[in-house]
Amino acid sequence: MKQLISQTHLLLSLLLFSSCATNPVLPPSQNSALNSVSDSNAKKEKNYWMQEQFDSFLENEWNPTMKKDKEIQKKYRKNEESEKKEEKHFTLQEFVDKQEAYRKAHPVDDSKSNVRKLNSMPAIGENPSRR
């Protein structure tokens, strides 16, 4: 009985694996059933709100500020021109310098931010009794 069960398992697995091996392999781009559900070659043209906001910030605020700042131009512009041929490596110091230049050009006004509101909240903000 045990021998019959083991032979049955062997025959079924052999049949299954041999049938999978004989089917022609179809690349996903030519699979009509797959393409009817999700076209992998379709280009996503829709920009989402957050991406649009980020792109407009870069275009309207960040890049013009960096172009106006002479220190940033002197320090990083030469590196950008020489690295156009190669892949440019991101440095944290470059971002910090550019962020500092942006903050000088666009100072933060605490009256428009939520910092005071958050600090006045008992569970979140500064509470003298917790010190």
Protein backbone atom coordinates (compact mmCIF):
# COMPACT_ATOMS: atom_id res chain seq x y z
CA MET A 1 0.00 0.00 0.00
CA LYS A 2 2.82 2.40 0.92
CA GLN A 3 4.56 1.56 -2.30
CA LEU A 4 1.43 2.39 -4.31
CA ILE A 5 1.06 5.77 -2.60
CA SER A 6 4.70 6.69 -3.19
CA GLN A 7 4.45 5.62 -6.83
CA THR A 8 1.28 7.68 -7.27
CA HIS A 9 3.01 10.76 -5.86
CA LEU A 10 5.96 10.17 -8.11
CA LEU A 11 3.78 9.80 -11.20
CA LEU A 12 1.70 12.88 -10.42
CA SER A 13 4.76 15.05 -9.76
CA LEU A 14 6.45 13.73 -12.91
CA LEU A 15 3.35 14.53 -14.95
CA LEU A 16 3.07 18.00 -13.46
CA PHE A 17 6.72 18.97 -13.94
CA SER A 18 6.98 17.52 -17.42
CA SER A 19 3.89 19.38 -18.61
CA CYS A 20 5.25 22.66 -17.25
CA ALA A 21 8.56 22.10 -18.96
CA THR A 22 7.05 21.44 -22.39
CA ASN A 23 4.91 24.59 -22.54
CA PRO A 24 6.56 27.39 -24.50
CA VAL A 25 7.71 30.27 -22.38
CA LEU A 26 5.82 33.43 -23.19
CA PRO A 27 7.42 36.76 -22.28
CA PRO A 28 5.20 39.09 -20.23
CA SER A 29 5.10 41.71 -23.00
CA GLN A 30 3.41 39.21 -25.35
CA ASN A 31 1.04 37.77 -22.79
CA SER A 32 -2.35 39.12 -23.84
CA ALA A 33 -4.07 37.99 -20.63
CA LEU A 34 -1.54 39.88 -18.53
CA ASN A 35 -1.67 42.98 -20.72
CA SER A 36 -5.46 43.09 -20.52
CA VAL A 37 -5.20 43.43 -16.74
CA SER A 38 -2.13 45.62 -16.48
CA ASP A 39 -0.13 47.00 -19.37
CA SER A 40 3.46 46.97 -18.17
CA ASN A 41 4.58 49.14 -21.09
CA ALA A 42 2.12 51.93 -20.31
CA LYS A 43 3.73 55.19 -19.32
CA LYS A 44 2.30 56.92 -16.29
CA GLU A 45 1.70 60.48 -17.33
CA LYS A 46 -0.40 61.55 -14.39
CA ASN A 47 1.45 63.59 -11.79
CA TYR A 48 0.09 63.51 -8.31
CA TRP A 49 -0.47 66.49 -6.05
CA MET A 50 2.59 66.04 -3.85
CA GLN A 51 4.89 65.57 -6.84
CA GLU A 52 3.42 68.68 -8.49
CA GLN A 53 3.97 70.69 -5.31
CA PHE A 54 7.55 69.51 -5.01
CA ASP A 55 8.29 70.23 -8.68
CA SER A 56 6.83 73.74 -8.44
CA PHE A 57 8.81 74.40 -5.23
CA LEU A 58 12.05 73.34 -6.94
CA GLU A 59 11.30 75.34 -10.07
CA ASN A 60 9.96 78.53 -8.47
CA GLU A 61 11.83 78.80 -5.17
CA TRP A 62 14.78 76.44 -4.68
CA ASN A 63 16.57 76.70 -8.04
CA PRO A 64 16.27 80.51 -8.38
CA THR A 65 17.58 80.94 -4.83
CA MET A 66 20.55 78.70 -5.55
CA LYS A 67 21.30 80.59 -8.78
CA LYS A 68 21.31 83.93 -6.94
CA ASP A 69 23.62 82.84 -4.12
CA LYS A 70 27.23 83.57 -5.12
CA GLU A 71 28.83 81.29 -2.50
CA ILE A 72 26.85 78.29 -3.64
CA GLN A 73 27.61 79.09 -7.27
CA LYS A 74 31.31 79.34 -6.57
CA LYS A 75 31.49 76.25 -4.38
CA TYR A 76 29.25 73.77 -6.22
CA ARG A 77 28.73 75.00 -9.77
CA LYS A 78 32.20 73.92 -10.92
CA ASN A 79 31.62 70.44 -9.49
CA GLU A 80 28.29 70.14 -11.31
CA GLU A 81 29.81 71.07 -14.67
CA SER A 82 32.70 68.61 -14.31
CA GLU A 83 30.40 65.81 -13.17
CA LYS A 84 27.84 66.18 -15.96
CA LYS A 85 29.60 63.44 -17.86
CA GLU A 86 29.66 61.17 -14.83
CA GLU A 87 26.97 60.32 -12.35
CA LYS A 88 26.90 63.00 -9.69
CA HIS A 89 27.28 61.80 -6.12
CA PHE A 90 25.06 63.34 -3.46
CA THR A 91 26.83 64.90 -0.51
CA LEU A 92 25.07 65.81 2.67
CA GLN A 93 27.29 68.87 3.16
CA GLU A 94 26.17 70.25 -0.21
CA PHE A 95 22.53 69.92 0.82
CA VAL A 96 23.21 71.56 4.21
CA ASP A 97 24.99 74.48 2.56
CA LYS A 98 22.19 74.96 0.05
CA GLN A 99 19.54 74.69 2.76
CA GLU A 100 21.35 77.34 4.81
CA ALA A 101 21.48 79.64 1.77
CA TYR A 102 17.75 79.05 1.18
CA ARG A 103 16.95 79.88 4.82
CA LYS A 104 18.94 83.13 4.57
CA ALA A 105 16.96 84.14 1.50
CA HIS A 106 13.61 82.96 2.94
CA PRO A 107 13.57 83.48 6.72
CA VAL A 108 11.01 81.53 8.73
CA ASP A 109 8.27 83.49 10.46
CA ASP A 110 7.12 81.67 13.62
CA SER A 111 3.87 83.62 13.72
CA LYS A 112 2.71 81.83 10.57
CA SER A 113 3.85 78.38 11.71
CA ASN A 114 2.23 76.03 14.19
CA VAL A 115 5.22 76.00 16.54
CA ARG A 116 3.56 78.16 19.19
CA LYS A 117 0.33 76.17 19.02
CA LEU A 118 2.18 72.89 19.45
CA ASN A 119 4.30 74.24 22.30
CA SER A 120 1.18 75.44 24.11
CA MET A 121 -0.42 71.98 24.04
CA PRO A 122 -0.12 70.27 27.42
CA ALA A 123 0.85 66.79 26.21
CA ILE A 124 3.14 67.86 23.36
CA GLY A 125 4.61 71.25 24.12
CA GLU A 126 6.87 72.63 26.76
CA ASN A 127 5.43 72.09 30.20
CA PRO A 128 7.33 73.50 33.18
CA SER A 129 5.89 70.89 35.57
CA ARG A 130 7.49 68.02 33.63
CA ARG A 131 11.03 69.37 34.07
